[in-house]
Amino acid sequence: MRSLLCLCLVLLPEYAIMVLVVGAFRGWLVTLTQPPHRGLLIVVLAAIVGTLLVIPTAGEIPILQSLALLGVSSGPLGALLITLPAISVPGVAMVARSFGWKAIVTATGVVVAAGLLGSAVLSVL
């Protein structure tokens, strides 16, 4: 019970702070999806940003639906569909002590690559 209390005292404030920090920088993503910025750069950016953002479980679907209604192309939507639920900055911050940075960087790279692959597949469809 004492271990659980210690973990809660460290992880809950850390998670709350990370969610607030990441949330503060989320607004600029929609401005980058306007027509002049479409292309490979926005797909790569969507894959990276989607990997870092914290999204509640099943929260990526309404976000992607809203972005689709705003006219975002299928490339960034495919990247976000794969990357949003997988890894986030708060999650990485909480498990980095246990898994080590090498494992975290590898997992993050794999998620970004999977997002790029998802983007390519959705763009072809």
C-alpha atoms as a PDB file:
ATOM      1  CA  MET A   1       0.000   0.000   0.000  1.00  0.00           C
ATOM      2  CA  ARG A   2       2.881   2.320   0.800  1.00  0.00           C
ATOM      3  CA  SER A   3       4.428   1.731  -2.646  1.00  0.00           C
ATOM      4  CA  LEU A   4       1.129   2.590  -4.301  1.00  0.00           C
ATOM      5  CA  LEU A   5       0.895   5.808  -2.317  1.00  0.00           C
ATOM      6  CA  CYS A   6       4.460   6.770  -3.265  1.00  0.00           C
ATOM      7  CA  LEU A   7       3.749   6.091  -6.938  1.00  0.00           C
ATOM      8  CA  CYS A   8       0.554   8.144  -6.793  1.00  0.00           C
ATOM      9  CA  LEU A   9       2.338  11.057  -5.151  1.00  0.00           C
ATOM     10  CA  VAL A  10       4.922  11.118  -7.942  1.00  0.00           C
ATOM     11  CA  LEU A  11       3.011  10.022 -11.027  1.00  0.00           C
ATOM     12  CA  LEU A  12      -0.313  11.841 -10.676  1.00  0.00           C
ATOM     13  CA  PRO A  13       1.152  15.364 -10.429  1.00  0.00           C
ATOM     14  CA  GLU A  14       3.693  14.494 -13.127  1.00  0.00           C
ATOM     15  CA  TYR A  15       0.910  13.276 -15.420  1.00  0.00           C
ATOM     16  CA  ALA A  16      -1.250  16.337 -14.751  1.00  0.00           C
ATOM     17  CA  ILE A  17       1.613  18.730 -15.500  1.00  0.00           C
ATOM     18  CA  MET A  18       2.563  16.894 -18.691  1.00  0.00           C
ATOM     19  CA  VAL A  19      -1.054  16.858 -19.905  1.00  0.00           C
ATOM     20  CA  LEU A  20      -1.311  20.609 -19.329  1.00  0.00           C
ATOM     21  CA  VAL A  21       1.991  21.315 -21.099  1.00  0.00           C
ATOM     22  CA  VAL A  22       1.150  19.133 -24.100  1.00  0.00           C
ATOM     23  CA  GLY A  23      -2.373  20.564 -24.244  1.00  0.00           C
ATOM     24  CA  ALA A  24      -0.995  24.089 -24.350  1.00  0.00           C
ATOM     25  CA  PHE A  25       0.761  23.348 -27.651  1.00  0.00           C
ATOM     26  CA  ARG A  26      -2.021  21.393 -29.389  1.00  0.00           C
ATOM     27  CA  GLY A  27      -3.827  24.306 -31.011  1.00  0.00           C
ATOM     28  CA  TRP A  28      -1.235  24.968 -33.677  1.00  0.00           C
ATOM     29  CA  LEU A  29      -1.701  21.515 -35.257  1.00  0.00           C
ATOM     30  CA  VAL A  30      -4.988  22.500 -36.926  1.00  0.00           C
ATOM     31  CA  THR A  31      -3.460  25.660 -38.427  1.00  0.00           C
ATOM     32  CA  LEU A  32      -0.779  23.581 -40.142  1.00  0.00           C
ATOM     33  CA  THR A  33      -3.364  21.470 -41.955  1.00  0.00           C
ATOM     34  CA  GLN A  34      -4.643  24.245 -44.210  1.00  0.00           C
ATOM     35  CA  PRO A  35      -4.297  23.587 -47.979  1.00  0.00           C
ATOM     36  CA  PRO A  36      -0.909  25.314 -48.602  1.00  0.00           C
ATOM     37  CA  HIS A  37       0.787  23.030 -46.060  1.00  0.00           C
ATOM     38  CA  ARG A  38      -0.363  19.634 -47.333  1.00  0.00           C
ATOM     39  CA  GLY A  39       2.246  17.149 -48.385  1.00  0.00           C
ATOM     40  CA  LEU A  40       4.934  14.948 -46.959  1.00  0.00           C
ATOM     41  CA  LEU A  41       6.011  17.506 -44.354  1.00  0.00           C
ATOM     42  CA  ILE A  42       2.563  17.672 -42.753  1.00  0.00           C
ATOM     43  CA  VAL A  43       2.299  13.864 -42.727  1.00  0.00           C
ATOM     44  CA  VAL A  44       5.655  13.522 -40.952  1.00  0.00           C
ATOM     45  CA  LEU A  45       4.707  16.315 -38.561  1.00  0.00           C
ATOM     46  CA  ALA A  46       1.340  14.666 -37.855  1.00  0.00           C
ATOM     47  CA  ALA A  47       3.084  11.357 -37.115  1.00  0.00           C
ATOM     48  CA  ILE A  48       5.529  12.991 -34.701  1.00  0.00           C
ATOM     49  CA  VAL A  49       2.986  15.235 -32.975  1.00  0.00           C
ATOM     50  CA  GLY A  50       0.434  12.418 -32.787  1.00  0.00           C
ATOM     51  CA  THR A  51       3.012  10.283 -31.037  1.00  0.00           C
ATOM     52  CA  LEU A  52       3.630  12.959 -28.406  1.00  0.00           C
ATOM     53  CA  LEU A  53       0.051  14.057 -27.645  1.00  0.00           C
ATOM     54  CA  VAL A  54      -1.943  12.555 -24.821  1.00  0.00           C
ATOM     55  CA  ILE A  55      -5.416  11.466 -25.910  1.00  0.00           C
ATOM     56  CA  PRO A  56      -8.008   9.652 -23.774  1.00  0.00           C
ATOM     57  CA  THR A  57      -8.955   6.123 -24.793  1.00  0.00           C
ATOM     58  CA  ALA A  58     -11.041   6.191 -28.005  1.00  0.00           C
ATOM     59  CA  GLY A  59     -10.629   9.971 -28.107  1.00  0.00           C
ATOM     60  CA  GLU A  60      -8.759   9.863 -31.390  1.00  0.00           C
ATOM     61  CA  ILE A  61     -11.903   9.003 -33.390  1.00  0.00           C
ATOM     62  CA  PRO A  62     -13.829  12.242 -32.683  1.00  0.00           C
ATOM     63  CA  ILE A  63     -10.610  14.230 -33.131  1.00  0.00           C
ATOM     64  CA  LEU A  64      -9.963  12.648 -36.521  1.00  0.00           C
ATOM     65  CA  GLN A  65     -13.596  13.108 -37.526  1.00  0.00           C
ATOM     66  CA  SER A  66     -13.378  16.804 -36.678  1.00  0.00           C
ATOM     67  CA  LEU A  67     -10.133  17.172 -38.622  1.00  0.00           C
ATOM     68  CA  ALA A  68     -11.689  15.368 -41.605  1.00  0.00           C
ATOM     69  CA  LEU A  69     -14.638  17.779 -41.519  1.00  0.00           C
ATOM     70  CA  LEU A  70     -12.138  20.662 -41.526  1.00  0.00           C
ATOM     71  CA  GLY A  71     -10.726  19.308 -44.774  1.00  0.00           C
ATOM     72  CA  VAL A  72      -7.565  17.586 -43.580  1.00  0.00           C
ATOM     73  CA  SER A  73      -6.340  15.105 -46.194  1.00  0.00           C
ATOM     74  CA  SER A  74      -6.188  11.362 -45.608  1.00  0.00           C
ATOM     75  CA  GLY A  75      -2.383  11.327 -45.158  1.00  0.00           C
ATOM     76  CA  PRO A  76      -2.246  13.168 -41.823  1.00  0.00           C
ATOM     77  CA  LEU A  77      -5.432  11.404 -40.690  1.00  0.00           C
ATOM     78  CA  GLY A  78      -3.821   8.005 -41.299  1.00  0.00           C
ATOM     79  CA  ALA A  79      -0.716   9.027 -39.380  1.00  0.00           C
ATOM     80  CA  LEU A  80      -2.766  10.334 -36.460  1.00  0.00           C
ATOM     81  CA  LEU A  81      -5.015   7.262 -36.416  1.00  0.00           C
ATOM     82  CA  ILE A  82      -1.998   5.075 -35.688  1.00  0.00           C
ATOM     83  CA  THR A  83       0.065   7.395 -33.487  1.00  0.00           C
ATOM     84  CA  LEU A  84      -2.488   9.095 -31.222  1.00  0.00           C
ATOM     85  CA  PRO A  85      -3.451   6.070 -29.094  1.00  0.00           C
ATOM     86  CA  ALA A  86       0.007   4.484 -28.916  1.00  0.00           C
ATOM     87  CA  ILE A  87       2.493   6.655 -27.004  1.00  0.00           C
ATOM     88  CA  SER A  88       2.359  10.055 -25.328  1.00  0.00           C
ATOM     89  CA  VAL A  89       4.805  12.349 -23.561  1.00  0.00           C
ATOM     90  CA  PRO A  90       3.210  11.802 -20.118  1.00  0.00           C
ATOM     91  CA  GLY A  91       3.257   8.035 -20.635  1.00  0.00           C
ATOM     92  CA  VAL A  92       6.885   8.135 -21.707  1.00  0.00           C
ATOM     93  CA  ALA A  93       7.812  10.305 -18.730  1.00  0.00           C
ATOM     94  CA  MET A  94       6.190   7.860 -16.334  1.00  0.00           C
ATOM     95  CA  VAL A  95       7.750   4.662 -17.684  1.00  0.00           C
ATOM     96  CA  ALA A  96      11.173   5.995 -18.687  1.00  0.00           C
ATOM     97  CA  ARG A  97      12.640   5.237 -15.269  1.00  0.00           C
ATOM     98  CA  SER A  98      11.574   1.593 -15.533  1.00  0.00           C
ATOM     99  CA  PHE A  99      12.263   0.840 -19.199  1.00  0.00           C
ATOM    100  CA  GLY A 100      15.170   3.160 -19.910  1.00  0.00           C
ATOM    101  CA  TRP A 101      15.538   5.756 -22.621  1.00  0.00           C
ATOM    102  CA  LYS A 102      16.827   3.334 -25.256  1.00  0.00           C
ATOM    103  CA  ALA A 103      13.601   1.312 -25.148  1.00  0.00           C
ATOM    104  CA  ILE A 104      11.496   4.486 -25.088  1.00  0.00           C
ATOM    105  CA  VAL A 105      13.257   6.000 -28.108  1.00  0.00           C
ATOM    106  CA  THR A 106      12.966   2.708 -30.001  1.00  0.00           C
ATOM    107  CA  ALA A 107       9.245   2.381 -29.244  1.00  0.00           C
ATOM    108  CA  THR A 108       8.643   6.008 -30.208  1.00  0.00           C
ATOM    109  CA  GLY A 109      10.495   5.530 -33.488  1.00  0.00           C
ATOM    110  CA  VAL A 110       8.484   2.409 -34.273  1.00  0.00           C
ATOM    111  CA  VAL A 111       5.220   4.246 -33.584  1.00  0.00           C
ATOM    112  CA  VAL A 112       6.216   7.168 -35.834  1.00  0.00           C
ATOM    113  CA  ALA A 113       7.199   4.710 -38.590  1.00  0.00           C
ATOM    114  CA  ALA A 114       3.891   2.859 -38.188  1.00  0.00           C
ATOM    115  CA  GLY A 115       2.081   6.199 -38.433  1.00  0.00           C
ATOM    116  CA  LEU A 116       3.885   6.975 -41.685  1.00  0.00           C
ATOM    117  CA  LEU A 117       2.971   3.529 -43.005  1.00  0.00           C
ATOM    118  CA  GLY A 118      -0.658   4.053 -41.956  1.00  0.00           C
ATOM    119  CA  SER A 119      -0.609   7.380 -43.730  1.00  0.00           C
ATOM    120  CA  ALA A 120       0.674   5.789 -46.927  1.00  0.00           C
ATOM    121  CA  VAL A 121      -1.923   3.017 -46.800  1.00  0.00           C
ATOM    122  CA  LEU A 122      -4.810   5.409 -46.171  1.00  0.00           C
ATOM    123  CA  SER A 123      -3.594   7.729 -48.927  1.00  0.00           C
ATOM    124  CA  VAL A 124      -3.565   4.841 -51.413  1.00  0.00           C
ATOM    125  CA  LEU A 125      -7.075   3.756 -50.448  1.00  0.00           C
END
